[in-house]
Amino acid sequence: MTVLDALFLVQREQDPSLSFRCACRVGMCGTCAMSIDGVPRLACKTRVRTLGTAVVQVAPLPNLPVVKDLVVSLEPFFDQ
């Protein structure tokens, strides 16, 4: 199970209002990028099992404005 799969599970079974981005689900587009256990990673490529912890902390990418939950505005990135 990837972190993205886990987020879909949480959204489906616990919190339908949870917001995050994804598009390709194969690690090419980068839209699912977020901070996972304090490290910027792609949620679609990060396997929960490899993190070696019972609790996985997810957060929006740092240094970008948060739109909602795990969704950040990418405008500053594209402006550069």
PDB file of N, CA and C in Angstrom:
ATOM      1  N   MET A   1       0.839  -1.176   0.000  1.00  0.00           N
ATOM      2  CA  MET A   1       0.000   0.000   0.000  1.00  0.00           C
ATOM      3  C   MET A   1       0.885   1.241   0.000  1.00  0.00           C
ATOM      4  N   THR A   2       0.563   2.161  -0.875  1.00  0.00           N
ATOM      5  CA  THR A   2       1.281   3.434  -0.897  1.00  0.00           C
ATOM      6  C   THR A   2       0.594   4.425   0.043  1.00  0.00           C
ATOM      7  N   VAL A   3       1.276   5.511   0.324  1.00  0.00           N
ATOM      8  CA  VAL A   3       0.673   6.566   1.138  1.00  0.00           C
ATOM      9  C   VAL A   3      -0.565   7.108   0.423  1.00  0.00           C
ATOM     10  N   LEU A   4      -0.509   7.217  -0.894  1.00  0.00           N
ATOM     11  CA  LEU A   4      -1.672   7.687  -1.647  1.00  0.00           C
ATOM     12  C   LEU A   4      -2.848   6.729  -1.488  1.00  0.00           C
ATOM     13  N   ASP A   5      -2.597   5.424  -1.548  1.00  0.00           N
ATOM     14  CA  ASP A   5      -3.658   4.441  -1.322  1.00  0.00           C
ATOM     15  C   ASP A   5      -4.261   4.617   0.069  1.00  0.00           C
ATOM     16  N   ALA A   6      -3.402   4.841   1.059  1.00  0.00           N
ATOM     17  CA  ALA A   6      -3.873   5.036   2.438  1.00  0.00           C
ATOM     18  C   ALA A   6      -4.726   6.295   2.551  1.00  0.00           C
ATOM     19  N   LEU A   7      -4.325   7.358   1.854  1.00  0.00           N
ATOM     20  CA  LEU A   7      -5.117   8.589   1.880  1.00  0.00           C
ATOM     21  C   LEU A   7      -6.488   8.367   1.255  1.00  0.00           C
ATOM     22  N   PHE A   8      -6.548   7.636   0.155  1.00  0.00           N
ATOM     23  CA  PHE A   8      -7.850   7.316  -0.445  1.00  0.00           C
ATOM     24  C   PHE A   8      -8.709   6.491   0.517  1.00  0.00           C
ATOM     25  N   LEU A   9      -8.094   5.569   1.241  1.00  0.00           N
ATOM     26  CA  LEU A   9      -8.817   4.754   2.214  1.00  0.00           C
ATOM     27  C   LEU A   9      -9.385   5.621   3.337  1.00  0.00           C
ATOM     28  N   VAL A  10      -8.572   6.538   3.848  1.00  0.00           N
ATOM     29  CA  VAL A  10      -9.041   7.461   4.895  1.00  0.00           C
ATOM     30  C   VAL A  10     -10.178   8.319   4.351  1.00  0.00           C
ATOM     31  N   GLN A  11     -10.018   8.813   3.140  1.00  0.00           N
ATOM     32  CA  GLN A  11     -11.055   9.657   2.528  1.00  0.00           C
ATOM     33  C   GLN A  11     -12.362   8.881   2.346  1.00  0.00           C
ATOM     34  N   ARG A  12     -12.252   7.640   1.926  1.00  0.00           N
ATOM     35  CA  ARG A  12     -13.430   6.817   1.662  1.00  0.00           C
ATOM     36  C   ARG A  12     -14.121   6.359   2.949  1.00  0.00           C
ATOM     37  N   GLU A  13     -13.335   6.008   3.974  1.00  0.00           N
ATOM     38  CA  GLU A  13     -13.912   5.368   5.159  1.00  0.00           C
ATOM     39  C   GLU A  13     -14.004   6.251   6.398  1.00  0.00           C
ATOM     40  N   GLN A  14     -13.228   7.352   6.463  1.00  0.00           N
ATOM     41  CA  GLN A  14     -13.222   8.141   7.692  1.00  0.00           C
ATOM     42  C   GLN A  14     -13.541   9.613   7.503  1.00  0.00           C
ATOM     43  N   ASP A  15     -13.000  10.226   6.452  1.00  0.00           N
ATOM     44  CA  ASP A  15     -13.167  11.669   6.293  1.00  0.00           C
ATOM     45  C   ASP A  15     -13.306  12.034   4.817  1.00  0.00           C
ATOM     46  N   PRO A  16     -14.533  12.046   4.305  1.00  0.00           N
ATOM     47  CA  PRO A  16     -14.726  12.352   2.890  1.00  0.00           C
ATOM     48  C   PRO A  16     -14.312  13.770   2.507  1.00  0.00           C
ATOM     49  N   SER A  17     -14.082  14.629   3.475  1.00  0.00           N
ATOM     50  CA  SER A  17     -13.679  15.998   3.156  1.00  0.00           C
ATOM     51  C   SER A  17     -12.164  16.144   2.993  1.00  0.00           C
ATOM     52  N   LEU A  18     -11.394  15.085   3.264  1.00  0.00           N
ATOM     53  CA  LEU A  18      -9.941  15.145   3.145  1.00  0.00           C
ATOM     54  C   LEU A  18      -9.540  15.485   1.715  1.00  0.00           C
ATOM     55  N   SER A  19      -8.699  16.507   1.553  1.00  0.00           N
ATOM     56  CA  SER A  19      -8.290  16.959   0.219  1.00  0.00           C
ATOM     57  C   SER A  19      -6.805  16.729  -0.016  1.00  0.00           C
ATOM     58  N   PHE A  20      -6.496  16.177  -1.166  1.00  0.00           N
ATOM     59  CA  PHE A  20      -5.123  15.982  -1.624  1.00  0.00           C
ATOM     60  C   PHE A  20      -5.170  15.885  -3.138  1.00  0.00           C
ATOM     61  N   ARG A  21      -4.008  16.030  -3.773  1.00  0.00           N
ATOM     62  CA  ARG A  21      -3.954  15.981  -5.234  1.00  0.00           C
ATOM     63  C   ARG A  21      -3.306  14.691  -5.702  1.00  0.00           C
ATOM     64  N   CYS A  22      -3.765  14.218  -6.834  1.00  0.00           N
ATOM     65  CA  CYS A  22      -3.093  13.135  -7.538  1.00  0.00           C
ATOM     66  C   CYS A  22      -3.577  13.148  -8.978  1.00  0.00           C
ATOM     67  N   ALA A  23      -2.763  12.652  -9.870  1.00  0.00           N
ATOM     68  CA  ALA A  23      -3.162  12.605 -11.278  1.00  0.00           C
ATOM     69  C   ALA A  23      -2.726  11.286 -11.905  1.00  0.00           C
ATOM     70  N   CYS A  24      -1.428  11.080 -12.043  1.00  0.00           N
ATOM     71  CA  CYS A  24      -0.958   9.930 -12.814  1.00  0.00           C
ATOM     72  C   CYS A  24      -0.860   8.649 -11.990  1.00  0.00           C
ATOM     73  N   ARG A  25      -0.639   8.752 -10.697  1.00  0.00           N
ATOM     74  CA  ARG A  25      -0.477   7.627  -9.771  1.00  0.00           C
ATOM     75  C   ARG A  25       0.725   6.740 -10.070  1.00  0.00           C
ATOM     76  N   VAL A  26       1.662   7.217 -10.905  1.00  0.00           N
ATOM     77  CA  VAL A  26       2.851   6.424 -11.225  1.00  0.00           C
ATOM     78  C   VAL A  26       4.150   7.201 -11.019  1.00  0.00           C
ATOM     79  N   GLY A  27       4.107   8.332 -10.346  1.00  0.00           N
ATOM     80  CA  GLY A  27       5.309   9.077 -10.015  1.00  0.00           C
ATOM     81  C   GLY A  27       5.871   9.960 -11.105  1.00  0.00           C
ATOM     82  N   MET A  28       5.085  10.275 -12.119  1.00  0.00           N
ATOM     83  CA  MET A  28       5.593  11.111 -13.205  1.00  0.00           C
ATOM     84  C   MET A  28       5.201  12.576 -13.079  1.00  0.00           C
ATOM     85  N   CYS A  29       4.005  12.852 -12.577  1.00  0.00           N
ATOM     86  CA  CYS A  29       3.501  14.229 -12.623  1.00  0.00           C
ATOM     87  C   CYS A  29       3.891  15.060 -11.403  1.00  0.00           C
ATOM     88  N   GLY A  30       4.059  14.447 -10.256  1.00  0.00           N
ATOM     89  CA  GLY A  30       4.446  15.164  -9.054  1.00  0.00           C
ATOM     90  C   GLY A  30       3.319  15.845  -8.303  1.00  0.00           C
ATOM     91  N   THR A  31       2.075  15.690  -8.758  1.00  0.00           N
ATOM     92  CA  THR A  31       0.977  16.391  -8.085  1.00  0.00           C
ATOM     93  C   THR A  31       0.688  15.849  -6.690  1.00  0.00           C
ATOM     94  N   CYS A  32       1.099  14.635  -6.395  1.00  0.00           N
ATOM     95  CA  CYS A  32       0.837  14.059  -5.066  1.00  0.00           C
ATOM     96  C   CYS A  32       1.978  14.328  -4.087  1.00  0.00           C
ATOM     97  N   ALA A  33       2.881  15.235  -4.425  1.00  0.00           N
ATOM     98  CA  ALA A  33       4.002  15.549  -3.537  1.00  0.00           C
ATOM     99  C   ALA A  33       3.495  16.152  -2.227  1.00  0.00           C
ATOM    100  N   MET A  34       4.051  15.672  -1.147  1.00  0.00           N
ATOM    101  CA  MET A  34       3.705  16.164   0.192  1.00  0.00           C
ATOM    102  C   MET A  34       4.826  15.789   1.141  1.00  0.00           C
ATOM    103  N   SER A  35       4.767  16.318   2.324  1.00  0.00           N
ATOM    104  CA  SER A  35       5.737  15.971   3.347  1.00  0.00           C
ATOM    105  C   SER A  35       5.253  14.701   4.037  1.00  0.00           C
ATOM    106  N   ILE A  36       6.046  13.649   3.953  1.00  0.00           N
ATOM    107  CA  ILE A  36       5.703  12.365   4.570  1.00  0.00           C
ATOM    108  C   ILE A  36       6.778  12.065   5.608  1.00  0.00           C
ATOM    109  N   ASP A  37       6.384  12.030   6.863  1.00  0.00           N
ATOM    110  CA  ASP A  37       7.318  11.886   7.980  1.00  0.00           C
ATOM    111  C   ASP A  37       8.445  12.914   7.896  1.00  0.00           C
ATOM    112  N   GLY A  38       8.079  14.143   7.504  1.00  0.00           N
ATOM    113  CA  GLY A  38       9.016  15.250   7.490  1.00  0.00           C
ATOM    114  C   GLY A  38       9.898  15.350   6.259  1.00  0.00           C
ATOM    115  N   VAL A  39       9.686  14.458   5.285  1.00  0.00           N
ATOM    116  CA  VAL A  39      10.507  14.449   4.073  1.00  0.00           C
ATOM    117  C   VAL A  39       9.607  14.663   2.858  1.00  0.00           C
ATOM    118  N   PRO A  40       9.955  15.591   1.964  1.00  0.00           N
ATOM    119  CA  PRO A  40       9.148  15.760   0.751  1.00  0.00           C
ATOM    120  C   PRO A  40       9.246  14.501  -0.124  1.00  0.00           C
ATOM    121  N   ARG A  41       8.089  13.912  -0.423  1.00  0.00           N
ATOM    122  CA  ARG A  41       8.048  12.675  -1.211  1.00  0.00           C
ATOM    123  C   ARG A  41       6.797  12.656  -2.062  1.00  0.00           C
ATOM    124  N   LEU A  42       6.763  11.727  -3.001  1.00  0.00           N
ATOM    125  CA  LEU A  42       5.551  11.479  -3.776  1.00  0.00           C
ATOM    126  C   LEU A  42       4.732  10.417  -3.059  1.00  0.00           C
ATOM    127  N   ALA A  43       3.482  10.732  -2.775  1.00  0.00           N
ATOM    128  CA  ALA A  43       2.619   9.798  -2.047  1.00  0.00           C
ATOM    129  C   ALA A  43       2.349   8.540  -2.860  1.00  0.00           C
ATOM    130  N   CYS A  44       2.341   8.651  -4.188  1.00  0.00           N
ATOM    131  CA  CYS A  44       2.051   7.489  -5.030  1.00  0.00           C
ATOM    132  C   CYS A  44       3.223   6.520  -5.123  1.00  0.00           C
ATOM    133  N   LYS A  45       4.421   6.961  -4.786  1.00  0.00           N
ATOM    134  CA  LYS A  45       5.607   6.107  -4.867  1.00  0.00           C
ATOM    135  C   LYS A  45       6.111   5.657  -3.500  1.00  0.00           C
ATOM    136  N   THR A  46       5.580   6.242  -2.432  1.00  0.00           N
ATOM    137  CA  THR A  46       6.060   5.934  -1.086  1.00  0.00           C
ATOM    138  C   THR A  46       5.222   4.825  -0.477  1.00  0.00           C
ATOM    139  N   ARG A  47       5.844   3.695  -0.237  1.00  0.00           N
ATOM    140  CA  ARG A  47       5.146   2.566   0.378  1.00  0.00           C
ATOM    141  C   ARG A  47       5.150   2.732   1.893  1.00  0.00           C
ATOM    142  N   VAL A  48       3.988   2.546   2.489  1.00  0.00           N
ATOM    143  CA  VAL A  48       3.834   2.709   3.940  1.00  0.00           C
ATOM    144  C   VAL A  48       4.777   1.761   4.675  1.00  0.00           C
ATOM    145  N   ARG A  49       4.887   0.544   4.199  1.00  0.00           N
ATOM    146  CA  ARG A  49       5.711  -0.486   4.860  1.00  0.00           C
ATOM    147  C   ARG A  49       7.173  -0.062   4.976  1.00  0.00           C
ATOM    148  N   THR A  50       7.683   0.648   3.980  1.00  0.00           N
ATOM    149  CA  THR A  50       9.101   1.018   3.992  1.00  0.00           C
ATOM    150  C   THR A  50       9.410   2.162   4.957  1.00  0.00           C
ATOM    151  N   LEU A  51       8.396   2.839   5.457  1.00  0.00           N
ATOM    152  CA  LEU A  51       8.621   3.956   6.377  1.00  0.00           C
ATOM    153  C   LEU A  51       9.017   3.477   7.765  1.00  0.00           C
ATOM    154  N   GLY A  52       8.704   2.226   8.087  1.00  0.00           N
ATOM    155  CA  GLY A  52       9.151   1.636   9.346  1.00  0.00           C
ATOM    156  C   GLY A  52       8.562   2.254  10.590  1.00  0.00           C
ATOM    157  N   THR A  53       7.334   2.741  10.504  1.00  0.00           N
ATOM    158  CA  THR A  53       6.692   3.342  11.663  1.00  0.00           C
ATOM    159  C   THR A  53       5.213   2.973  11.663  1.00  0.00           C
ATOM    160  N   ALA A  54       4.631   2.893  12.842  1.00  0.00           N
ATOM    161  CA  ALA A  54       3.208   2.552  12.949  1.00  0.00           C
ATOM    162  C   ALA A  54       2.310   3.724  12.604  1.00  0.00           C
ATOM    163  N   VAL A  55       2.827   4.935  12.775  1.00  0.00           N
ATOM    164  CA  VAL A  55       2.064   6.144  12.488  1.00  0.00           C
ATOM    165  C   VAL A  55       2.822   6.945  11.427  1.00  0.00           C
ATOM    166  N   VAL A  56       2.138   7.251  10.337  1.00  0.00           N
ATOM    167  CA  VAL A  56       2.749   8.035   9.260  1.00  0.00           C
ATOM    168  C   VAL A  56       2.199   9.451   9.343  1.00  0.00           C
ATOM    169  N   GLN A  57       3.092  10.424   9.400  1.00  0.00           N
ATOM    170  CA  GLN A  57       2.674  11.820   9.456  1.00  0.00           C
ATOM    171  C   GLN A  57       2.743  12.415   8.056  1.00  0.00           C
ATOM    172  N   VAL A  58       1.622  12.953   7.607  1.00  0.00           N
ATOM    173  CA  VAL A  58       1.578  13.624   6.308  1.00  0.00           C
ATOM    174  C   VAL A  58       1.236  15.093   6.536  1.00  0.00           C
ATOM    175  N   ALA A  59       1.833  15.940   5.707  1.00  0.00           N
ATOM    176  CA  ALA A  59       1.610  17.381   5.812  1.00  0.00           C
ATOM    177  C   ALA A  59       1.781  17.979   4.423  1.00  0.00           C
ATOM    178  N   PRO A  60       1.223  19.175   4.223  1.00  0.00           N
ATOM    179  CA  PRO A  60       1.445  19.834   2.936  1.00  0.00           C
ATOM    180  C   PRO A  60       2.928  20.162   2.758  1.00  0.00           C
ATOM    181  N   LEU A  61       3.348  20.330   1.523  1.00  0.00           N
ATOM    182  CA  LEU A  61       4.729  20.721   1.259  1.00  0.00           C
ATOM    183  C   LEU A  61       5.029  22.042   1.959  1.00  0.00           C
ATOM    184  N   PRO A  62       6.201  22.149   2.568  1.00  0.00           N
ATOM    185  CA  PRO A  62       6.554  23.413   3.224  1.00  0.00           C
ATOM    186  C   PRO A  62       6.863  24.488   2.185  1.00  0.00           C
ATOM    187  N   ASN A  63       6.794  25.717   2.594  1.00  0.00           N
ATOM    188  CA  ASN A  63       7.154  26.884   1.774  1.00  0.00           C
ATOM    189  C   ASN A  63       6.210  27.152   0.606  1.00  0.00           C
ATOM    190  N   LEU A  64       5.050  26.521   0.589  1.00  0.00           N
ATOM    191  CA  LEU A  64       4.026  26.814  -0.412  1.00  0.00           C
ATOM    192  C   LEU A  64       2.726  27.104   0.315  1.00  0.00           C
ATOM    193  N   PRO A  65       1.912  28.019  -0.207  1.00  0.00           N
ATOM    194  CA  PRO A  65       0.649  28.341   0.465  1.00  0.00           C
ATOM    195  C   PRO A  65      -0.320  27.156   0.436  1.00  0.00           C
ATOM    196  N   VAL A  66      -0.900  26.873   1.582  1.00  0.00           N
ATOM    197  CA  VAL A  66      -1.854  25.764   1.692  1.00  0.00           C
ATOM    198  C   VAL A  66      -3.218  26.222   1.196  1.00  0.00           C
ATOM    199  N   VAL A  67      -3.803  25.441   0.305  1.00  0.00           N
ATOM    200  CA  VAL A  67      -5.150  25.709  -0.192  1.00  0.00           C
ATOM    201  C   VAL A  67      -6.159  25.031   0.721  1.00  0.00           C
ATOM    202  N   LYS A  68      -5.958  23.738   0.984  1.00  0.00           N
ATOM    203  CA  LYS A  68      -6.805  22.969   1.890  1.00  0.00           C
ATOM    204  C   LYS A  68      -6.126  21.641   2.192  1.00  0.00           C
ATOM    205  N   ASP A  69      -6.097  21.258   3.443  1.00  0.00           N
ATOM    206  CA  ASP A  69      -5.522  19.990   3.900  1.00  0.00           C
ATOM    207  C   ASP A  69      -4.120  19.786   3.327  1.00  0.00           C
ATOM    208  N   LEU A  70      -3.956  18.844   2.392  1.00  0.00           N
ATOM    209  CA  LEU A  70      -2.648  18.535   1.814  1.00  0.00           C
ATOM    210  C   LEU A  70      -2.427  19.196   0.458  1.00  0.00           C
ATOM    211  N   VAL A  71      -3.363  20.027   0.036  1.00  0.00           N
ATOM    212  CA  VAL A  71      -3.282  20.700  -1.262  1.00  0.00           C
ATOM    213  C   VAL A  71      -2.591  22.050  -1.082  1.00  0.00           C
ATOM    214  N   VAL A  72      -1.533  22.261  -1.861  1.00  0.00           N
ATOM    215  CA  VAL A  72      -0.832  23.545  -1.834  1.00  0.00           C
ATOM    216  C   VAL A  72      -0.976  24.221  -3.190  1.00  0.00           C
ATOM    217  N   SER A  73      -0.842  25.537  -3.174  1.00  0.00           N
ATOM    218  CA  SER A  73      -0.833  26.295  -4.417  1.00  0.00           C
ATOM    219  C   SER A  73       0.545  26.149  -5.058  1.00  0.00           C
ATOM    220  N   LEU A  74       0.573  25.779  -6.315  1.00  0.00           N
ATOM    221  CA  LEU A  74       1.835  25.607  -7.025  1.00  0.00           C
ATOM    222  C   LEU A  74       2.242  26.862  -7.792  1.00  0.00           C
ATOM    223  N   GLU A  75       1.477  27.938  -7.661  1.00  0.00           N
ATOM    224  CA  GLU A  75       1.799  29.177  -8.372  1.00  0.00           C
ATOM    225  C   GLU A  75       3.205  29.679  -8.068  1.00  0.00           C
ATOM    226  N   PRO A  76       3.649  29.729  -6.804  1.00  0.00           N
ATOM    227  CA  PRO A  76       5.020  30.195  -6.555  1.00  0.00           C
ATOM    228  C   PRO A  76       6.071  29.332  -7.275  1.00  0.00           C
ATOM    229  N   PHE A  77       5.818  28.056  -7.355  1.00  0.00           N
ATOM    230  CA  PHE A  77       6.734  27.136  -8.036  1.00  0.00           C
ATOM    231  C   PHE A  77       6.793  27.469  -9.532  1.00  0.00           C
ATOM    232  N   PHE A  78       5.641  27.651 -10.159  1.00  0.00           N
ATOM    233  CA  PHE A  78       5.594  27.941 -11.584  1.00  0.00           C
ATOM    234  C   PHE A  78       6.100  29.352 -11.905  1.00  0.00           C
ATOM    235  N   ASP A  79       5.947  30.268 -10.954  1.00  0.00           N
ATOM    236  CA  ASP A  79       6.439  31.631 -11.162  1.00  0.00           C
ATOM    237  C   ASP A  79       7.970  31.676 -11.269  1.00  0.00           C
ATOM    238  N   GLN A  80       8.636  30.733 -10.612  1.00  0.00           N
ATOM    239  CA  GLN A  80      10.091  30.701 -10.648  1.00  0.00           C
ATOM    240  C   GLN A  80      10.541  30.067 -11.936  1.00  0.00           C
TER     241      GLN A  80
END
